[in-house]
Amino acid sequence: MTTEDRNRADARFNKAARSAHEAKTGKTDRDAALKAVTDNMAKLKALRLAREAAEPPRPAAAPKKARAKSKKSGEKAPALADWLAGQQSGGRRT
């Protein structure tokens, strides 16, 4: 084996070892970032729950009124041809 071959083999080995080390380091960085985000979320949730517990209860919202129907149950809608004619005479393009 020549020195050039040995140098290439060492470079390959070092590259593989370096990439494995970087992958392990990257994983620990991601884990640390995830832990920081999770801790921050837990802290904010605790603050929100404490704030909500301290404020007086909100009054119950009044029930919504039912919408009035635009047509009576016995009334029929105009025929499609009549409706289209009314739209065209009103300046709409249908």
PDB file of N, CA and C in Angstrom:
ATOM      1  N   MET A   1       0.851  -1.177   0.000  1.00  0.00           N
ATOM      2  CA  MET A   1       0.000   0.000   0.000  1.00  0.00           C
ATOM      3  C   MET A   1       0.895   1.238   0.000  1.00  0.00           C
ATOM      4  N   THR A   2       0.599   2.139  -0.885  1.00  0.00           N
ATOM      5  CA  THR A   2       1.416   3.342  -0.980  1.00  0.00           C
ATOM      6  C   THR A   2       0.946   4.366   0.048  1.00  0.00           C
ATOM      7  N   THR A   3       1.735   5.372   0.241  1.00  0.00           N
ATOM      8  CA  THR A   3       1.357   6.410   1.210  1.00  0.00           C
ATOM      9  C   THR A   3       0.146   7.194   0.726  1.00  0.00           C
ATOM     10  N   GLU A   4       0.027   7.311  -0.592  1.00  0.00           N
ATOM     11  CA  GLU A   4      -1.146   8.012  -1.140  1.00  0.00           C
ATOM     12  C   GLU A   4      -2.423   7.243  -0.839  1.00  0.00           C
ATOM     13  N   ASP A   5      -2.354   5.910  -1.004  1.00  0.00           N
ATOM     14  CA  ASP A   5      -3.524   5.079  -0.685  1.00  0.00           C
ATOM     15  C   ASP A   5      -3.859   5.164   0.799  1.00  0.00           C
ATOM     16  N   ARG A   6      -2.825   5.144   1.624  1.00  0.00           N
ATOM     17  CA  ARG A   6      -3.041   5.205   3.066  1.00  0.00           C
ATOM     18  C   ARG A   6      -3.668   6.558   3.444  1.00  0.00           C
ATOM     19  N   ASN A   7      -3.193   7.617   2.825  1.00  0.00           N
ATOM     20  CA  ASN A   7      -3.745   8.944   3.118  1.00  0.00           C
ATOM     21  C   ASN A   7      -5.218   9.038   2.708  1.00  0.00           C
ATOM     22  N   ARG A   8      -5.545   8.460   1.538  1.00  0.00           N
ATOM     23  CA  ARG A   8      -6.949   8.463   1.112  1.00  0.00           C
ATOM     24  C   ARG A   8      -7.819   7.663   2.068  1.00  0.00           C
ATOM     25  N   ALA A   9      -7.326   6.506   2.512  1.00  0.00           N
ATOM     26  CA  ALA A   9      -8.090   5.674   3.441  1.00  0.00           C
ATOM     27  C   ALA A   9      -8.280   6.403   4.773  1.00  0.00           C
ATOM     28  N   ASP A  10      -7.238   7.053   5.250  1.00  0.00           N
ATOM     29  CA  ASP A  10      -7.356   7.818   6.498  1.00  0.00           C
ATOM     30  C   ASP A  10      -8.357   8.963   6.353  1.00  0.00           C
ATOM     31  N   ALA A  11      -8.320   9.622   5.203  1.00  0.00           N
ATOM     32  CA  ALA A  11      -9.247  10.739   4.975  1.00  0.00           C
ATOM     33  C   ALA A  11     -10.681  10.243   4.974  1.00  0.00           C
ATOM     34  N   ARG A  12     -10.913   9.099   4.314  1.00  0.00           N
ATOM     35  CA  ARG A  12     -12.274   8.530   4.310  1.00  0.00           C
ATOM     36  C   ARG A  12     -12.719   8.173   5.722  1.00  0.00           C
ATOM     37  N   PHE A  13     -11.828   7.534   6.466  1.00  0.00           N
ATOM     38  CA  PHE A  13     -12.174   7.129   7.829  1.00  0.00           C
ATOM     39  C   PHE A  13     -12.454   8.358   8.691  1.00  0.00           C
ATOM     40  N   ASN A  14     -11.591   9.362   8.576  1.00  0.00           N
ATOM     41  CA  ASN A  14     -11.789  10.581   9.368  1.00  0.00           C
ATOM     42  C   ASN A  14     -13.085  11.285   8.984  1.00  0.00           C
ATOM     43  N   LYS A  15     -13.416  11.263   7.690  1.00  0.00           N
ATOM     44  CA  LYS A  15     -14.655  11.897   7.241  1.00  0.00           C
ATOM     45  C   LYS A  15     -15.858  11.175   7.836  1.00  0.00           C
ATOM     46  N   ALA A  16     -15.828   9.836   7.830  1.00  0.00           N
ATOM     47  CA  ALA A  16     -16.936   9.061   8.391  1.00  0.00           C
ATOM     48  C   ALA A  16     -17.056   9.303   9.892  1.00  0.00           C
ATOM     49  N   ALA A  17     -15.936   9.330  10.578  1.00  0.00           N
ATOM     50  CA  ALA A  17     -15.951   9.562  12.025  1.00  0.00           C
ATOM     51  C   ALA A  17     -16.450  10.968  12.332  1.00  0.00           C
ATOM     52  N   ARG A  18     -16.028  11.939  11.538  1.00  0.00           N
ATOM     53  CA  ARG A  18     -16.448  13.320  11.746  1.00  0.00           C
ATOM     54  C   ARG A  18     -17.952  13.465  11.517  1.00  0.00           C
ATOM     55  N   SER A  19     -18.459  12.827  10.449  1.00  0.00           N
ATOM     56  CA  SER A  19     -19.891  12.940  10.171  1.00  0.00           C
ATOM     57  C   SER A  19     -20.720  12.258  11.253  1.00  0.00           C
ATOM     58  N   ALA A  20     -20.230  11.124  11.784  1.00  0.00           N
ATOM     59  CA  ALA A  20     -20.946  10.459  12.874  1.00  0.00           C
ATOM     60  C   ALA A  20     -20.956  11.341  14.122  1.00  0.00           C
ATOM     61  N   HIS A  21     -19.839  11.986  14.399  1.00  0.00           N
ATOM     62  CA  HIS A  21     -19.762  12.876  15.566  1.00  0.00           C
ATOM     63  C   HIS A  21     -20.675  14.088  15.380  1.00  0.00           C
ATOM     64  N   GLU A  22     -20.715  14.646  14.178  1.00  0.00           N
ATOM     65  CA  GLU A  22     -21.586  15.799  13.914  1.00  0.00           C
ATOM     66  C   GLU A  22     -23.051  15.410  14.018  1.00  0.00           C
ATOM     67  N   ALA A  23     -23.371  14.190  13.569  1.00  0.00           N
ATOM     68  CA  ALA A  23     -24.760  13.735  13.670  1.00  0.00           C
ATOM     69  C   ALA A  23     -25.163  13.600  15.131  1.00  0.00           C
ATOM     70  N   LYS A  24     -24.255  13.076  15.955  1.00  0.00           N
ATOM     71  CA  LYS A  24     -24.559  12.931  17.377  1.00  0.00           C
ATOM     72  C   LYS A  24     -24.679  14.302  18.033  1.00  0.00           C
ATOM     73  N   THR A  25     -23.796  15.214  17.669  1.00  0.00           N
ATOM     74  CA  THR A  25     -23.843  16.564  18.215  1.00  0.00           C
ATOM     75  C   THR A  25     -25.116  17.285  17.759  1.00  0.00           C
ATOM     76  N   GLY A  26     -25.484  17.108  16.500  1.00  0.00           N
ATOM     77  CA  GLY A  26     -26.703  17.724  15.988  1.00  0.00           C
ATOM     78  C   GLY A  26     -27.929  17.219  16.712  1.00  0.00           C
ATOM     79  N   LYS A  27     -27.934  15.922  17.038  1.00  0.00           N
ATOM     80  CA  LYS A  27     -29.067  15.347  17.752  1.00  0.00           C
ATOM     81  C   LYS A  27     -29.173  15.960  19.145  1.00  0.00           C
ATOM     82  N   THR A  28     -28.055  16.127  19.812  1.00  0.00           N
ATOM     83  CA  THR A  28     -28.112  16.721  21.149  1.00  0.00           C
ATOM     84  C   THR A  28     -28.538  18.186  21.058  1.00  0.00           C
ATOM     85  N   ASP A  29     -28.126  18.879  19.999  1.00  0.00           N
ATOM     86  CA  ASP A  29     -28.569  20.265  19.814  1.00  0.00           C
ATOM     87  C   ASP A  29     -30.073  20.328  19.614  1.00  0.00           C
ATOM     88  N   ARG A  30     -30.600  19.420  18.796  1.00  0.00           N
ATOM     89  CA  ARG A  30     -32.053  19.387  18.565  1.00  0.00           C
ATOM     90  C   ARG A  30     -32.794  19.050  19.846  1.00  0.00           C
ATOM     91  N   ASP A  31     -32.241  18.087  20.615  1.00  0.00           N
ATOM     92  CA  ASP A  31     -32.886  17.718  21.869  1.00  0.00           C
ATOM     93  C   ASP A  31     -32.900  18.898  22.844  1.00  0.00           C
ATOM     94  N   ALA A  32     -31.806  19.644  22.889  1.00  0.00           N
ATOM     95  CA  ALA A  32     -31.737  20.792  23.792  1.00  0.00           C
ATOM     96  C   ALA A  32     -32.723  21.870  23.358  1.00  0.00           C
ATOM     97  N   ALA A  33     -32.827  22.105  22.051  1.00  0.00           N
ATOM     98  CA  ALA A  33     -33.775  23.106  21.554  1.00  0.00           C
ATOM     99  C   ALA A  33     -35.208  22.671  21.839  1.00  0.00           C
ATOM    100  N   LEU A  34     -35.497  21.387  21.654  1.00  0.00           N
ATOM    101  CA  LEU A  34     -36.842  20.875  21.923  1.00  0.00           C
ATOM    102  C   LEU A  34     -37.181  21.015  23.405  1.00  0.00           C
ATOM    103  N   LYS A  35     -36.227  20.718  24.275  1.00  0.00           N
ATOM    104  CA  LYS A  35     -36.462  20.849  25.716  1.00  0.00           C
ATOM    105  C   LYS A  35     -36.712  22.308  26.085  1.00  0.00           C
ATOM    106  N   ALA A  36     -35.962  23.227  25.473  1.00  0.00           N
ATOM    107  CA  ALA A  36     -36.158  24.651  25.767  1.00  0.00           C
ATOM    108  C   ALA A  36     -37.546  25.105  25.338  1.00  0.00           C
ATOM    109  N   VAL A  37     -37.991  24.675  24.167  1.00  0.00           N
ATOM    110  CA  VAL A  37     -39.321  25.054  23.680  1.00  0.00           C
ATOM    111  C   VAL A  37     -40.401  24.458  24.574  1.00  0.00           C
ATOM    112  N   THR A  38     -40.238  23.196  24.954  1.00  0.00           N
ATOM    113  CA  THR A  38     -41.227  22.537  25.809  1.00  0.00           C
ATOM    114  C   THR A  38     -41.308  23.212  27.178  1.00  0.00           C
ATOM    115  N   ASP A  39     -40.150  23.555  27.745  1.00  0.00           N
ATOM    116  CA  ASP A  39     -40.140  24.243  29.044  1.00  0.00           C
ATOM    117  C   ASP A  39     -40.819  25.604  28.950  1.00  0.00           C
ATOM    118  N   ASN A  40     -40.553  26.325  27.867  1.00  0.00           N
ATOM    119  CA  ASN A  40     -41.170  27.644  27.677  1.00  0.00           C
ATOM    120  C   ASN A  40     -42.684  27.506  27.540  1.00  0.00           C
ATOM    121  N   MET A  41     -43.146  26.500  26.800  1.00  0.00           N
ATOM    122  CA  MET A  41     -44.592  26.292  26.648  1.00  0.00           C
ATOM    123  C   MET A  41     -45.235  25.981  27.997  1.00  0.00           C
ATOM    124  N   ALA A  42     -44.570  25.155  28.807  1.00  0.00           N
ATOM    125  CA  ALA A  42     -45.115  24.802  30.119  1.00  0.00           C
ATOM    126  C   ALA A  42     -45.191  26.039  31.017  1.00  0.00           C
ATOM    127  N   LYS A  43     -44.156  26.882  30.961  1.00  0.00           N
ATOM    128  CA  LYS A  43     -44.147  28.100  31.774  1.00  0.00           C
ATOM    129  C   LYS A  43     -45.273  29.040  31.351  1.00  0.00           C
ATOM    130  N   LEU A  44     -45.438  29.223  30.045  1.00  0.00           N
ATOM    131  CA  LEU A  44     -46.497  30.107  29.550  1.00  0.00           C
ATOM    132  C   LEU A  44     -47.884  29.573  29.894  1.00  0.00           C
ATOM    133  N   LYS A  45     -48.051  28.258  29.828  1.00  0.00           N
ATOM    134  CA  LYS A  45     -49.349  27.666  30.178  1.00  0.00           C
ATOM    135  C   LYS A  45     -49.650  27.892  31.657  1.00  0.00           C
ATOM    136  N   ALA A  46     -48.643  27.717  32.502  1.00  0.00           N
ATOM    137  CA  ALA A  46     -48.853  27.940  33.931  1.00  0.00           C
ATOM    138  C   ALA A  46     -49.216  29.397  34.203  1.00  0.00           C
ATOM    139  N   LEU A  47     -48.544  30.324  33.523  1.00  0.00           N
ATOM    140  CA  LEU A  47     -48.876  31.742  33.696  1.00  0.00           C
ATOM    141  C   LEU A  47     -50.293  32.047  33.225  1.00  0.00           C
ATOM    142  N   ARG A  48     -50.691  31.470  32.082  1.00  0.00           N
ATOM    143  CA  ARG A  48     -52.038  31.704  31.554  1.00  0.00           C
ATOM    144  C   ARG A  48     -53.092  31.157  32.514  1.00  0.00           C
ATOM    145  N   LEU A  49     -52.867  29.942  33.033  1.00  0.00           N
ATOM    146  CA  LEU A  49     -53.840  29.353  33.948  1.00  0.00           C
ATOM    147  C   LEU A  49     -53.940  30.160  35.239  1.00  0.00           C
ATOM    148  N   ALA A  50     -52.807  30.681  35.726  1.00  0.00           N
ATOM    149  CA  ALA A  50     -52.834  31.501  36.941  1.00  0.00           C
ATOM    150  C   ALA A  50     -53.581  32.805  36.680  1.00  0.00           C
ATOM    151  N   ARG A  51     -53.365  33.404  35.512  1.00  0.00           N
ATOM    152  CA  ARG A  51     -54.053  34.656  35.179  1.00  0.00           C
ATOM    153  C   ARG A  51     -55.556  34.418  35.055  1.00  0.00           C
ATOM    154  N   GLU A  52     -55.934  33.309  34.399  1.00  0.00           N
ATOM    155  CA  GLU A  52     -57.363  33.027  34.248  1.00  0.00           C
ATOM    156  C   GLU A  52     -58.016  32.718  35.589  1.00  0.00           C
ATOM    157  N   ALA A  53     -57.288  32.082  36.489  1.00  0.00           N
ATOM    158  CA  ALA A  53     -57.851  31.771  37.804  1.00  0.00           C
ATOM    159  C   ALA A  53     -58.017  33.039  38.634  1.00  0.00           C
ATOM    160  N   ALA A  54     -57.155  34.030  38.431  1.00  0.00           N
ATOM    161  CA  ALA A  54     -57.210  35.257  39.225  1.00  0.00           C
ATOM    162  C   ALA A  54     -58.301  36.206  38.761  1.00  0.00           C
ATOM    163  N   GLU A  55     -58.645  36.194  37.490  1.00  0.00           N
ATOM    164  CA  GLU A  55     -59.650  37.142  37.004  1.00  0.00           C
ATOM    165  C   GLU A  55     -61.055  36.630  37.320  1.00  0.00           C
ATOM    166  N   PRO A  56     -62.003  37.548  37.502  1.00  0.00           N
ATOM    167  CA  PRO A  56     -63.368  37.120  37.822  1.00  0.00           C
ATOM    168  C   PRO A  56     -63.977  36.377  36.631  1.00  0.00           C
ATOM    169  N   PRO A  57     -64.910  35.487  36.915  1.00  0.00           N
ATOM    170  CA  PRO A  57     -65.522  34.743  35.810  1.00  0.00           C
ATOM    171  C   PRO A  57     -66.281  35.665  34.874  1.00  0.00           C
ATOM    172  N   ARG A  58     -66.224  35.345  33.629  1.00  0.00           N
ATOM    173  CA  ARG A  58     -66.916  36.155  32.629  1.00  0.00           C
ATOM    174  C   ARG A  58     -68.404  35.839  32.655  1.00  0.00           C
ATOM    175  N   PRO A  59     -69.234  36.856  32.396  1.00  0.00           N
ATOM    176  CA  PRO A  59     -70.674  36.574  32.359  1.00  0.00           C
ATOM    177  C   PRO A  59     -71.001  35.700  31.146  1.00  0.00           C
ATOM    178  N   ALA A  60     -72.000  34.878  31.332  1.00  0.00           N
ATOM    179  CA  ALA A  60     -72.392  33.991  30.237  1.00  0.00           C
ATOM    180  C   ALA A  60     -72.942  34.823  29.089  1.00  0.00           C
ATOM    181  N   ALA A  61     -72.575  34.467  27.889  1.00  0.00           N
ATOM    182  CA  ALA A  61     -73.038  35.204  26.712  1.00  0.00           C
ATOM    183  C   ALA A  61     -74.535  34.962  26.528  1.00  0.00           C
ATOM    184  N   ALA A  62     -75.224  35.996  26.103  1.00  0.00           N
ATOM    185  CA  ALA A  62     -76.658  35.868  25.859  1.00  0.00           C
ATOM    186  C   ALA A  62     -76.870  34.916  24.693  1.00  0.00           C
ATOM    187  N   PRO A  63     -77.911  34.108  24.754  1.00  0.00           N
ATOM    188  CA  PRO A  63     -78.142  33.183  23.640  1.00  0.00           C
ATOM    189  C   PRO A  63     -78.411  33.950  22.355  1.00  0.00           C
ATOM    190  N   LYS A  64     -77.895  33.422  21.284  1.00  0.00           N
ATOM    191  CA  LYS A  64     -78.066  34.088  19.993  1.00  0.00           C
ATOM    192  C   LYS A  64     -79.509  33.969  19.530  1.00  0.00           C
ATOM    193  N   LYS A  65     -79.977  35.030  18.921  1.00  0.00           N
ATOM    194  CA  LYS A  65     -81.340  35.013  18.405  1.00  0.00           C
ATOM    195  C   LYS A  65     -81.352  34.264  17.084  1.00  0.00           C
ATOM    196  N   ALA A  66     -82.431  33.581  16.841  1.00  0.00           N
ATOM    197  CA  ALA A  66     -82.571  32.857  15.582  1.00  0.00           C
ATOM    198  C   ALA A  66     -82.796  33.859  14.457  1.00  0.00           C
ATOM    199  N   ARG A  67     -82.205  33.593  13.318  1.00  0.00           N
ATOM    200  CA  ARG A  67     -82.377  34.497  12.183  1.00  0.00           C
ATOM    201  C   ARG A  67     -83.800  34.383  11.657  1.00  0.00           C
ATOM    202  N   ALA A  68     -84.317  35.511  11.272  1.00  0.00           N
ATOM    203  CA  ALA A  68     -85.658  35.528  10.700  1.00  0.00           C
ATOM    204  C   ALA A  68     -85.582  34.973   9.282  1.00  0.00           C
ATOM    205  N   LYS A  69     -86.541  34.158   8.944  1.00  0.00           N
ATOM    206  CA  LYS A  69     -86.562  33.592   7.605  1.00  0.00           C
ATOM    207  C   LYS A  69     -87.031  34.654   6.621  1.00  0.00           C
ATOM    208  N   SER A  70     -86.442  34.650   5.444  1.00  0.00           N
ATOM    209  CA  SER A  70     -86.771  35.683   4.465  1.00  0.00           C
ATOM    210  C   SER A  70     -88.086  35.390   3.746  1.00  0.00           C
ATOM    211  N   LYS A  71     -88.474  34.158   3.699  1.00  0.00           N
ATOM    212  CA  LYS A  71     -89.750  33.852   3.037  1.00  0.00           C
ATOM    213  C   LYS A  71     -90.607  32.999   3.967  1.00  0.00           C
ATOM    214  N   LYS A  72     -91.863  33.095   3.792  1.00  0.00           N
ATOM    215  CA  LYS A  72     -92.778  32.317   4.615  1.00  0.00           C
ATOM    216  C   LYS A  72     -92.838  30.898   4.092  1.00  0.00           C
ATOM    217  N   SER A  73     -93.248  29.974   4.951  1.00  0.00           N
ATOM    218  CA  SER A  73     -93.226  28.567   4.575  1.00  0.00           C
ATOM    219  C   SER A  73     -94.192  28.253   3.431  1.00  0.00           C
ATOM    220  N   GLY A  74     -95.299  28.992   3.303  1.00  0.00           N
ATOM    221  CA  GLY A  74     -96.270  28.732   2.241  1.00  0.00           C
ATOM    222  C   GLY A  74     -95.881  29.396   0.932  1.00  0.00           C
ATOM    223  N   GLU A  75     -94.899  30.302   0.962  1.00  0.00           N
ATOM    224  CA  GLU A  75     -94.521  31.064  -0.219  1.00  0.00           C
ATOM    225  C   GLU A  75     -93.511  30.281  -1.044  1.00  0.00           C
ATOM    226  N   LYS A  76     -93.682  30.268  -2.362  1.00  0.00           N
ATOM    227  CA  LYS A  76     -92.741  29.569  -3.235  1.00  0.00           C
ATOM    228  C   LYS A  76     -91.755  30.563  -3.814  1.00  0.00           C
ATOM    229  N   ALA A  77     -90.596  30.082  -4.148  1.00  0.00           N
ATOM    230  CA  ALA A  77     -89.587  30.920  -4.786  1.00  0.00           C
ATOM    231  C   ALA A  77     -89.984  31.126  -6.240  1.00  0.00           C
ATOM    232  N   PRO A  78     -89.574  32.217  -6.860  1.00  0.00           N
ATOM    233  CA  PRO A  78     -89.924  32.438  -8.264  1.00  0.00           C
ATOM    234  C   PRO A  78     -89.259  31.379  -9.147  1.00  0.00           C
ATOM    235  N   ALA A  79     -89.839  31.159 -10.287  1.00  0.00           N
ATOM    236  CA  ALA A  79     -89.280  30.195 -11.231  1.00  0.00           C
ATOM    237  C   ALA A  79     -87.916  30.691 -11.686  1.00  0.00           C
ATOM    238  N   LEU A  80     -87.078  29.775 -12.090  1.00  0.00           N
ATOM    239  CA  LEU A  80     -85.726  30.128 -12.501  1.00  0.00           C
ATOM    240  C   LEU A  80     -85.740  31.089 -13.681  1.00  0.00           C
ATOM    241  N   ALA A  81     -86.617  30.856 -14.640  1.00  0.00           N
ATOM    242  CA  ALA A  81     -86.679  31.724 -15.813  1.00  0.00           C
ATOM    243  C   ALA A  81     -87.058  33.146 -15.399  1.00  0.00           C
ATOM    244  N   ASP A  82     -87.993  33.290 -14.459  1.00  0.00           N
ATOM    245  CA  ASP A  82     -88.383  34.610 -13.982  1.00  0.00           C
ATOM    246  C   ASP A  82     -87.230  35.285 -13.244  1.00  0.00           C
ATOM    247  N   TRP A  83     -86.536  34.526 -12.445  1.00  0.00           N
ATOM    248  CA  TRP A  83     -85.420  35.073 -11.698  1.00  0.00           C
ATOM    249  C   TRP A  83     -84.318  35.540 -12.646  1.00  0.00           C
ATOM    250  N   LEU A  84     -83.984  34.715 -13.655  1.00  0.00           N
ATOM    251  CA  LEU A  84     -82.959  35.092 -14.628  1.00  0.00           C
ATOM    252  C   LEU A  84     -83.361  36.340 -15.408  1.00  0.00           C
ATOM    253  N   ALA A  85     -84.650  36.424 -15.770  1.00  0.00           N
ATOM    254  CA  ALA A  85     -85.117  37.604 -16.501  1.00  0.00           C
ATOM    255  C   ALA A  85     -84.979  38.848 -15.628  1.00  0.00           C
ATOM    256  N   GLY A  86     -85.298  38.730 -14.369  1.00  0.00           N
ATOM    257  CA  GLY A  86     -85.157  39.852 -13.450  1.00  0.00           C
ATOM    258  C   GLY A  86     -83.703  40.265 -13.289  1.00  0.00           C
ATOM    259  N   GLN A  87     -82.800  39.295 -13.270  1.00  0.00           N
ATOM    260  CA  GLN A  87     -81.379  39.604 -13.156  1.00  0.00           C
ATOM    261  C   GLN A  87     -80.871  40.340 -14.397  1.00  0.00           C
ATOM    262  N   GLN A  88     -81.299  39.878 -15.552  1.00  0.00           N
ATOM    263  CA  GLN A  88     -80.851  40.522 -16.802  1.00  0.00           C
ATOM    264  C   GLN A  88     -81.431  41.932 -16.929  1.00  0.00           C
ATOM    265  N   SER A  89     -82.659  42.115 -16.538  1.00  0.00           N
ATOM    266  CA  SER A  89     -83.241  43.447 -16.631  1.00  0.00           C
ATOM    267  C   SER A  89     -82.613  44.387 -15.609  1.00  0.00           C
ATOM    268  N   GLY A  90     -82.064  43.827 -14.559  1.00  0.00           N
ATOM    269  CA  GLY A  90     -81.387  44.630 -13.542  1.00  0.00           C
ATOM    270  C   GLY A  90     -79.958  44.972 -13.915  1.00  0.00           C
ATOM    271  N   GLY A  91     -79.491  44.494 -15.051  1.00  0.00           N
ATOM    272  CA  GLY A  91     -78.154  44.843 -15.506  1.00  0.00           C
ATOM    273  C   GLY A  91     -77.106  43.793 -15.194  1.00  0.00           C
ATOM    274  N   ARG A  92     -77.516  42.676 -14.663  1.00  0.00           N
ATOM    275  CA  ARG A  92     -76.543  41.622 -14.355  1.00  0.00           C
ATOM    276  C   ARG A  92     -76.368  40.695 -15.542  1.00  0.00           C
ATOM    277  N   ARG A  93     -75.167  40.228 -15.695  1.00  0.00           N
ATOM    278  CA  ARG A  93     -74.906  39.271 -16.772  1.00  0.00           C
ATOM    279  C   ARG A  93     -74.934  37.889 -16.156  1.00  0.00           C
ATOM    280  N   THR A  94     -75.799  37.048 -16.613  1.00  0.00           N
ATOM    281  CA  THR A  94     -75.882  35.698 -16.087  1.00  0.00           C
ATOM    282  C   THR A  94     -75.565  34.678 -17.137  1.00  0.00           C
TER     283      THR A  94
END
